[in-house]
PDB file of N, CA and C in Angstrom:
ATOM      1  N   MET A   1      79.682 184.408  88.152  1.00  0.00           N
ATOM      2  CA  MET A   1      79.155 183.481  89.232  1.00  0.00           C
ATOM      3  C   MET A   1      76.616 184.005  89.236  1.00  0.00           C
ATOM      4  N   PRO A   2      76.693 185.016  88.657  1.00  0.00           N
ATOM      5  CA  PRO A   2      75.203 185.497  89.053  1.00  0.00           C
ATOM      6  C   PRO A   2      74.443 184.149  88.042  1.00  0.00           C
ATOM      7  N   ASN A   3      75.160 183.957  87.186  1.00  0.00           N
ATOM      8  CA  ASN A   3      74.088 182.969  86.367  1.00  0.00           C
ATOM      9  C   ASN A   3      74.234 181.404  86.878  1.00  0.00           C
ATOM     10  N   MET A   4      75.265 181.809  87.439  1.00  0.00           N
ATOM     11  CA  MET A   4      74.751 179.365  87.917  1.00  0.00           C
ATOM     12  C   MET A   4      74.021 178.863  88.815  1.00  0.00           C
ATOM     13  N   PRO A   5      72.691 179.645  89.648  1.00  0.00           N
ATOM     14  CA  PRO A   5      71.691 179.446  90.277  1.00  0.00           C
ATOM     15  C   PRO A   5      70.618 179.119  88.648  1.00  0.00           C
ATOM     16  N   LYS A   6      70.968 179.965  88.080  1.00  0.00           N
ATOM     17  CA  LYS A   6      69.788 179.990  86.953  1.00  0.00           C
ATOM     18  C   LYS A   6      69.857 179.196  86.300  1.00  0.00           C
ATOM     19  N   ARG A   7      71.267 177.996  86.084  1.00  0.00           N
ATOM     20  CA  ARG A   7      71.650 177.478  85.099  1.00  0.00           C
ATOM     21  C   ARG A   7      71.318 175.961  85.995  1.00  0.00           C
ATOM     22  N   ALA A   8      71.381 176.066  87.201  1.00  0.00           N
ATOM     23  CA  ALA A   8      71.357 175.070  88.053  1.00  0.00           C
ATOM     24  C   ALA A   8      69.530 174.566  88.048  1.00  0.00           C
ATOM     25  N   HIS A   9      69.156 175.510  88.075  1.00  0.00           N
ATOM     26  CA  HIS A   9      68.012 175.902  88.775  1.00  0.00           C
ATOM     27  C   HIS A   9      66.975 175.411  87.482  1.00  0.00           C
ATOM     28  N   ALA A  10      67.304 175.616  86.191  1.00  0.00           N
ATOM     29  CA  ALA A  10      66.943 175.457  84.916  1.00  0.00           C
ATOM     30  C   ALA A  10      66.970 173.832  84.422  1.00  0.00           C
ATOM     31  N   PHE A  11      68.317 173.318  85.244  1.00  0.00           N
ATOM     32  CA  PHE A  11      68.588 171.882  84.957  1.00  0.00           C
ATOM     33  C   PHE A  11      67.626 171.361  85.974  1.00  0.00           C
ATOM     34  N   ASN A  12      67.567 171.561  87.133  1.00  0.00           N
ATOM     35  CA  ASN A  12      66.413 170.934  87.927  1.00  0.00           C
ATOM     36  C   ASN A  12      65.103 170.996  87.251  1.00  0.00           C
ATOM     37  N   LEU A  13      64.672 171.927  86.841  1.00  0.00           N
ATOM     38  CA  LEU A  13      63.724 172.140  86.147  1.00  0.00           C
ATOM     39  C   LEU A  13      63.047 171.216  85.129  1.00  0.00           C
ATOM     40  N   ARG A  14      64.336 171.057  84.273  1.00  0.00           N
ATOM     41  CA  ARG A  14      64.175 169.712  83.629  1.00  0.00           C
ATOM     42  C   ARG A  14      64.162 168.508  83.838  1.00  0.00           C
ATOM     43  N   ASN A  15      64.828 168.583  84.766  1.00  0.00           N
ATOM     44  CA  ASN A  15      65.363 166.657  85.506  1.00  0.00           C
ATOM     45  C   ASN A  15      63.710 166.498  86.111  1.00  0.00           C
ATOM     46  N   GLU A  16      63.092 167.570  86.779  1.00  0.00           N
ATOM     47  CA  GLU A  16      61.458 167.170  87.487  1.00  0.00           C
ATOM     48  C   GLU A  16      60.634 166.862  86.080  1.00  0.00           C
ATOM     49  N   THR A  17      60.881 167.412  85.178  1.00  0.00           N
ATOM     50  CA  THR A  17      59.408 167.035  84.031  1.00  0.00           C
ATOM     51  C   THR A  17      60.438 165.808  83.701  1.00  0.00           C
ATOM     52  N   THR A  18      61.644 165.679  83.485  1.00  0.00           N
ATOM     53  CA  THR A  18      61.554 164.442  83.146  1.00  0.00           C
ATOM     54  C   THR A  18      61.143 163.469  83.437  1.00  0.00           C
ATOM     55  N   ILE A  19      61.140 163.633  84.836  1.00  0.00           N
ATOM     56  CA  ILE A  19      60.889 162.884  85.804  1.00  0.00           C
ATOM     57  C   ILE A  19      59.706 162.538  86.391  1.00  0.00           C
ATOM     58  N   ALA A  20      59.001 163.536  85.665  1.00  0.00           N
ATOM     59  CA  ALA A  20      57.455 163.433  85.994  1.00  0.00           C
ATOM     60  C   ALA A  20      57.076 163.000  84.586  1.00  0.00           C
ATOM     61  N   LEU A  21      57.518 163.178  83.666  1.00  0.00           N
ATOM     62  CA  LEU A  21      57.099 162.597  82.602  1.00  0.00           C
ATOM     63  C   LEU A  21      56.941 161.070  81.903  1.00  0.00           C
ATOM     64  N   LYS A  22      58.321 160.615  82.727  1.00  0.00           N
ATOM     65  CA  LYS A  22      58.471 159.368  83.057  1.00  0.00           C
ATOM     66  C   LYS A  22      57.513 158.530  83.930  1.00  0.00           C
ATOM     67  N   LEU A  23      57.504 159.330  84.895  1.00  0.00           N
ATOM     68  CA  LEU A  23      56.376 158.641  85.617  1.00  0.00           C
ATOM     69  C   LEU A  23      55.018 158.855  85.263  1.00  0.00           C
ATOM     70  N   TRP A  24      54.724 159.959  84.856  1.00  0.00           N
ATOM     71  CA  TRP A  24      53.480 159.978  84.022  1.00  0.00           C
ATOM     72  C   TRP A  24      53.027 158.562  83.044  1.00  0.00           C
ATOM     73  N   LYS A  25      54.183 158.115  82.350  1.00  0.00           N
ATOM     74  CA  LYS A  25      54.142 156.940  81.090  1.00  0.00           C
ATOM     75  C   LYS A  25      54.384 156.025  81.597  1.00  0.00           C
ATOM     76  N   ALA A  26      54.685 155.513  82.654  1.00  0.00           N
ATOM     77  CA  ALA A  26      54.608 154.334  83.638  1.00  0.00           C
ATOM     78  C   ALA A  26      53.094 154.249  83.926  1.00  0.00           C
ATOM     79  N   ASP A  27      52.891 154.939  84.807  1.00  0.00           N
ATOM     80  CA  ASP A  27      51.383 155.068  84.918  1.00  0.00           C
ATOM     81  C   ASP A  27      50.288 154.770  84.174  1.00  0.00           C
ATOM     82  N   ARG A  28      50.506 155.417  82.694  1.00  0.00           N
ATOM     83  CA  ARG A  28      49.454 155.235  82.334  1.00  0.00           C
ATOM     84  C   ARG A  28      50.197 154.182  81.455  1.00  0.00           C
ATOM     85  N   GLU A  29      51.160 153.947  80.963  1.00  0.00           N
ATOM     86  CA  GLU A  29      51.168 151.993  80.776  1.00  0.00           C
ATOM     87  C   GLU A  29      51.126 151.372  81.680  1.00  0.00           C
ATOM     88  N   SER A  30      50.803 151.751  83.052  1.00  0.00           N
ATOM     89  CA  SER A  30      50.381 150.509  83.720  1.00  0.00           C
ATOM     90  C   SER A  30      48.654 150.024  83.763  1.00  0.00           C
ATOM     91  N   SER A  31      48.033 151.609  83.982  1.00  0.00           N
ATOM     92  CA  SER A  31      47.331 151.217  84.022  1.00  0.00           C
ATOM     93  C   SER A  31      45.980 150.720  82.230  1.00  0.00           C
ATOM     94  N   LEU A  32      46.941 151.184  81.265  1.00  0.00           N
ATOM     95  CA  LEU A  32      46.671 150.461  79.972  1.00  0.00           C
ATOM     96  C   LEU A  32      46.905 149.059  80.451  1.00  0.00           C
ATOM     97  N   TYR A  33      48.153 148.797  80.839  1.00  0.00           N
ATOM     98  CA  TYR A  33      48.103 147.120  81.038  1.00  0.00           C
ATOM     99  C   TYR A  33      46.978 146.452  81.867  1.00  0.00           C
ATOM    100  N   ILE A  34      46.648 147.188  83.071  1.00  0.00           N
ATOM    101  CA  ILE A  34      45.576 146.834  84.052  1.00  0.00           C
ATOM    102  C   ILE A  34      44.292 146.237  83.142  1.00  0.00           C
ATOM    103  N   ARG A  35      44.283 147.552  82.781  1.00  0.00           N
ATOM    104  CA  ARG A  35      42.721 147.632  81.945  1.00  0.00           C
ATOM    105  C   ARG A  35      42.795 146.553  80.897  1.00  0.00           C
ATOM    106  N   GLU A  36      44.210 146.159  80.361  1.00  0.00           N
ATOM    107  CA  GLU A  36      44.082 144.784  79.345  1.00  0.00           C
ATOM    108  C   GLU A  36      44.192 143.441  79.940  1.00  0.00           C
ATOM    109  N   ARG A  37      44.377 143.741  81.033  1.00  0.00           N
ATOM    110  CA  ARG A  37      44.647 142.480  81.887  1.00  0.00           C
ATOM    111  C   ARG A  37      43.304 141.976  81.896  1.00  0.00           C
ATOM    112  N   SER A  38      42.542 143.206  82.964  1.00  0.00           N
ATOM    113  CA  SER A  38      41.032 143.057  83.312  1.00  0.00           C
ATOM    114  C   SER A  38      39.877 142.630  82.302  1.00  0.00           C
ATOM    115  N   LYS A  39      40.042 142.764  80.977  1.00  0.00           N
ATOM    116  CA  LYS A  39      39.499 142.977  79.504  1.00  0.00           C
ATOM    117  C   LYS A  39      39.195 141.288  79.766  1.00  0.00           C
ATOM    118  N   THR A  40      40.990 141.196  79.249  1.00  0.00           N
ATOM    119  CA  THR A  40      41.011 139.742  79.044  1.00  0.00           C
ATOM    120  C   THR A  40      40.710 138.458  80.237  1.00  0.00           C
ATOM    121  N   PHE A  41      41.109 139.242  81.296  1.00  0.00           N
ATOM    122  CA  PHE A  41      40.311 138.105  82.597  1.00  0.00           C
ATOM    123  C   PHE A  41      38.336 138.575  82.515  1.00  0.00           C
ATOM    124  N   MET A  42      38.068 139.465  81.918  1.00  0.00           N
ATOM    125  CA  MET A  42      36.338 139.167  81.754  1.00  0.00           C
ATOM    126  C   MET A  42      35.941 138.134  80.498  1.00  0.00           C
ATOM    127  N   ASP A  43      36.936 138.855  79.741  1.00  0.00           N
ATOM    128  CA  ASP A  43      36.989 137.690  78.666  1.00  0.00           C
ATOM    129  C   ASP A  43      36.480 136.192  79.080  1.00  0.00           C
ATOM    130  N   ARG A  44      37.396 135.909  79.583  1.00  0.00           N
ATOM    131  CA  ARG A  44      37.538 134.342  79.885  1.00  0.00           C
ATOM    132  C   ARG A  44      36.929 134.280  81.018  1.00  0.00           C
ATOM    133  N   LEU A  45      36.002 134.868  81.970  1.00  0.00           N
ATOM    134  CA  LEU A  45      35.318 134.516  82.780  1.00  0.00           C
ATOM    135  C   LEU A  45      33.825 134.347  81.990  1.00  0.00           C
ATOM    136  N   LYS A  46      33.299 135.269  81.078  1.00  0.00           N
ATOM    137  CA  LYS A  46      32.391 134.957  79.936  1.00  0.00           C
ATOM    138  C   LYS A  46      32.261 133.999  79.419  1.00  0.00           C
ATOM    139  N   GLN A  47      33.809 133.825  79.059  1.00  0.00           N
ATOM    140  CA  GLN A  47      33.883 132.473  78.070  1.00  0.00           C
ATOM    141  C   GLN A  47      33.221 131.006  78.964  1.00  0.00           C
ATOM    142  N   LYS A  48      33.954 131.225  80.259  1.00  0.00           N
ATOM    143  CA  LYS A  48      33.633 130.068  81.165  1.00  0.00           C
ATOM    144  C   LYS A  48      31.907 129.636  81.972  1.00  0.00           C
ATOM    145  N   MET A  49      31.662 131.266  81.648  1.00  0.00           N
ATOM    146  CA  MET A  49      30.409 130.946  81.913  1.00  0.00           C
ATOM    147  C   MET A  49      29.221 130.236  80.803  1.00  0.00           C
ATOM    148  N   LEU A  50      29.639 130.625  79.541  1.00  0.00           N
ATOM    149  CA  LEU A  50      29.285 130.495  78.526  1.00  0.00           C
ATOM    150  C   LEU A  50      28.977 129.208  78.623  1.00  0.00           C
ATOM    151  N   GLY A  51      30.431 128.482  78.979  1.00  0.00           N
ATOM    152  CA  GLY A  51      30.631 127.138  78.612  1.00  0.00           C
ATOM    153  C   GLY A  51      29.893 125.915  79.800  1.00  0.00           C
ATOM    154  N   SER A  52      30.118 126.745  80.694  1.00  0.00           N
ATOM    155  CA  SER A  52      29.141 126.082  82.244  1.00  0.00           C
ATOM    156  C   SER A  52      27.784 126.045  81.768  1.00  0.00           C
ATOM    157  N   GLU A  53      27.428 126.703  81.113  1.00  0.00           N
ATOM    158  CA  GLU A  53      25.963 126.703  81.081  1.00  0.00           C
ATOM    159  C   GLU A  53      25.605 126.257  79.722  1.00  0.00           C
ATOM    160  N   GLU A  54      26.435 125.880  78.788  1.00  0.00           N
ATOM    161  CA  GLU A  54      26.623 124.654  78.300  1.00  0.00           C
ATOM    162  C   GLU A  54      26.423 123.583  78.384  1.00  0.00           C
ATOM    163  N   ALA A  55      27.198 123.263  79.155  1.00  0.00           N
ATOM    164  CA  ALA A  55      27.463 121.667  80.420  1.00  0.00           C
ATOM    165  C   ALA A  55      25.966 121.584  80.742  1.00  0.00           C
ATOM    166  N   GLN A  56      25.567 122.421  81.672  1.00  0.00           N
ATOM    167  CA  GLN A  56      24.689 122.287  82.797  1.00  0.00           C
ATOM    168  C   GLN A  56      23.311 121.927  81.268  1.00  0.00           C
ATOM    169  N   ARG A  57      23.270 122.288  79.998  1.00  0.00           N
ATOM    170  CA  ARG A  57      22.441 122.191  79.107  1.00  0.00           C
ATOM    171  C   ARG A  57      22.264 121.133  78.692  1.00  0.00           C
ATOM    172  N   LYS A  58      23.100 120.691  78.345  1.00  0.00           N
ATOM    173  CA  LYS A  58      23.837 118.924  77.846  1.00  0.00           C
ATOM    174  C   LYS A  58      23.779 118.219  79.167  1.00  0.00           C
ATOM    175  N   ARG A  59      24.172 118.585  80.062  1.00  0.00           N
ATOM    176  CA  ARG A  59      23.925 117.618  81.307  1.00  0.00           C
ATOM    177  C   ARG A  59      22.212 117.359  81.626  1.00  0.00           C
ATOM    178  N   LYS A  60      21.070 118.535  81.458  1.00  0.00           N
ATOM    179  CA  LYS A  60      20.036 118.593  81.768  1.00  0.00           C
ATOM    180  C   LYS A  60      19.181 117.279  80.363  1.00  0.00           C
ATOM    181  N   GLN A  61      19.598 117.258  79.178  1.00  0.00           N
ATOM    182  CA  GLN A  61      19.553 116.915  77.898  1.00  0.00           C
ATOM    183  C   GLN A  61      19.834 115.379  78.329  1.00  0.00           C
ATOM    184  N   LYS A  62      20.996 115.297  79.047  1.00  0.00           N
ATOM    185  CA  LYS A  62      21.319 113.629  79.480  1.00  0.00           C
ATOM    186  C   LYS A  62      20.247 113.297  80.084  1.00  0.00           C
ATOM    187  N   LYS A  63      19.834 114.210  81.372  1.00  0.00           N
ATOM    188  CA  LYS A  63      18.767 113.399  81.907  1.00  0.00           C
ATOM    189  C   LYS A  63      17.585 112.454  81.142  1.00  0.00           C
ATOM    190  N   SER A  64      17.111 113.918  81.398  1.00  0.00           N
ATOM    191  CA  SER A  64      15.647 113.617  80.114  1.00  0.00           C
ATOM    192  C   SER A  64      15.531 112.662  79.314  1.00  0.00           C
ATOM    193  N   ARG A  65      16.631 112.182  78.262  1.00  0.00           N
ATOM    194  CA  ARG A  65      16.877 110.938  77.760  1.00  0.00           C
ATOM    195  C   ARG A  65      16.515 110.293  78.551  1.00  0.00           C
ATOM    196  N   SER A  66      17.677 109.741  79.781  1.00  0.00           N
ATOM    197  CA  SER A  66      17.851 108.739  80.545  1.00  0.00           C
ATOM    198  C   SER A  66      16.820 108.487  81.217  1.00  0.00           C
ATOM    199  N   ARG A  67      15.369 109.856  81.552  1.00  0.00           N
ATOM    200  CA  ARG A  67      14.372 109.285  81.841  1.00  0.00           C
ATOM    201  C   ARG A  67      13.544 108.769  81.415  1.00  0.00           C
ATOM    202  N   SER A  68      13.383 109.215  79.555  1.00  0.00           N
ATOM    203  CA  SER A  68      12.479 108.926  78.809  1.00  0.00           C
ATOM    204  C   SER A  68      12.806 107.319  78.396  1.00  0.00           C
ATOM    205  N   ARG A  69      14.006 107.238  78.587  1.00  0.00           N
ATOM    206  CA  ARG A  69      14.347 105.489  78.301  1.00  0.00           C
ATOM    207  C   ARG A  69      13.774 104.828  79.636  1.00  0.00           C
ATOM    208  N   LYS A  70      14.094 105.086  80.831  1.00  0.00           N
ATOM    209  CA  LYS A  70      13.514 104.382  81.938  1.00  0.00           C
ATOM    210  C   LYS A  70      12.045 104.478  81.522  1.00  0.00           C
ATOM    211  N   ARG A  71      11.334 105.181  81.507  1.00  0.00           N
ATOM    212  CA  ARG A  71      10.072 104.790  80.884  1.00  0.00           C
ATOM    213  C   ARG A  71       9.577 104.096  80.447  1.00  0.00           C
ATOM    214  N   SER A  72      10.098 104.403  79.195  1.00  0.00           N
ATOM    215  CA  SER A  72       9.626 103.459  77.776  1.00  0.00           C
ATOM    216  C   SER A  72      10.293 102.093  78.291  1.00  0.00           C
ATOM    217  N   ASN A  73      11.165 101.639  79.408  1.00  0.00           N
ATOM    218  CA  ASN A  73      10.905 100.244  79.335  1.00  0.00           C
ATOM    219  C   ASN A  73      10.380  99.950  80.738  1.00  0.00           C
ATOM    220  N   THR A  74      10.092 100.747  81.178  1.00  0.00           N
ATOM    221  CA  THR A  74       8.709 100.552  82.254  1.00  0.00           C
ATOM    222  C   THR A  74       7.839 100.244  81.566  1.00  0.00           C
ATOM    223  N   ASP A  75       7.266 101.052  80.196  1.00  0.00           N
ATOM    224  CA  ASP A  75       6.122 100.444  79.658  1.00  0.00           C
ATOM    225  C   ASP A  75       5.943  99.349  79.099  1.00  0.00           C
ATOM    226  N   LYS A  76       7.364  98.859  78.430  1.00  0.00           N
ATOM    227  CA  LYS A  76       7.185  98.018  77.707  1.00  0.00           C
ATOM    228  C   LYS A  76       7.181  96.518  78.576  1.00  0.00           C
ATOM    229  N   LYS A  77       7.419  96.874  80.021  1.00  0.00           N
ATOM    230  CA  LYS A  77       7.251  95.666  80.665  1.00  0.00           C
ATOM    231  C   LYS A  77       5.863  95.519  81.067  1.00  0.00           C
ATOM    232  N   LYS A  78       5.317  96.775  81.484  1.00  0.00           N
ATOM    233  CA  LYS A  78       4.113  96.739  82.053  1.00  0.00           C
ATOM    234  C   LYS A  78       3.141  96.115  80.323  1.00  0.00           C
ATOM    235  N   ASN A  79       3.614  95.967  79.669  1.00  0.00           N
ATOM    236  CA  ASN A  79       2.621  95.888  78.481  1.00  0.00           C
ATOM    237  C   ASN A  79       2.492  94.587  78.529  1.00  0.00           C
ATOM    238  N   LYS A  80       3.729  93.748  78.782  1.00  0.00           N
ATOM    239  CA  LYS A  80       4.286  92.631  78.268  1.00  0.00           C
ATOM    240  C   LYS A  80       3.575  92.005  79.492  1.00  0.00           C
ATOM    241  N   SER A  81       3.623  92.315  81.126  1.00  0.00           N
ATOM    242  CA  SER A  81       2.842  91.666  82.012  1.00  0.00           C
ATOM    243  C   SER A  81       1.142  92.085  81.735  1.00  0.00           C
ATOM    244  N   SER A  82       0.700  93.061  81.602  1.00  0.00           N
ATOM    245  CA  SER A  82      -0.858  93.200  81.191  1.00  0.00           C
ATOM    246  C   SER A  82      -1.137  91.591  79.871  1.00  0.00           C
ATOM    247  N   SER A  83      -0.328  91.724  78.927  1.00  0.00           N
ATOM    248  CA  SER A  83      -0.761  91.321  77.246  1.00  0.00           C
ATOM    249  C   SER A  83      -0.716  89.428  78.250  1.00  0.00           C
ATOM    250  N   GLY A  84       0.469  88.774  79.209  1.00  0.00           N
ATOM    251  CA  GLY A  84       0.577  87.903  79.761  1.00  0.00           C
ATOM    252  C   GLY A  84      -1.039  87.628  80.439  1.00  0.00           C
ATOM    253  N   ALA A  85      -0.990  88.223  81.031  1.00  0.00           N
ATOM    254  CA  ALA A  85      -2.174  88.045  81.963  1.00  0.00           C
ATOM    255  C   ALA A  85      -2.888  87.740  81.825  1.00  0.00           C
TER     256      ALA A  85
END
């Protein structure tokens, strides 16, 4: 009978350590998962930002092209009117 509590105690300790290990492992995995998710999120965000900068640059180029086209058209009209007069 005196050995009974020791066994129970050892069993409880073993049980507690396995539970603690499982919890630690789960916590570690979840933190790694979260870190990985945040990394992919940041990568996607960076990609989006780069894409938007590129699109903005293209829009600016397009605007400047259309402006220069408009300018050249008005210049042609002015030249025609001045040469005709």
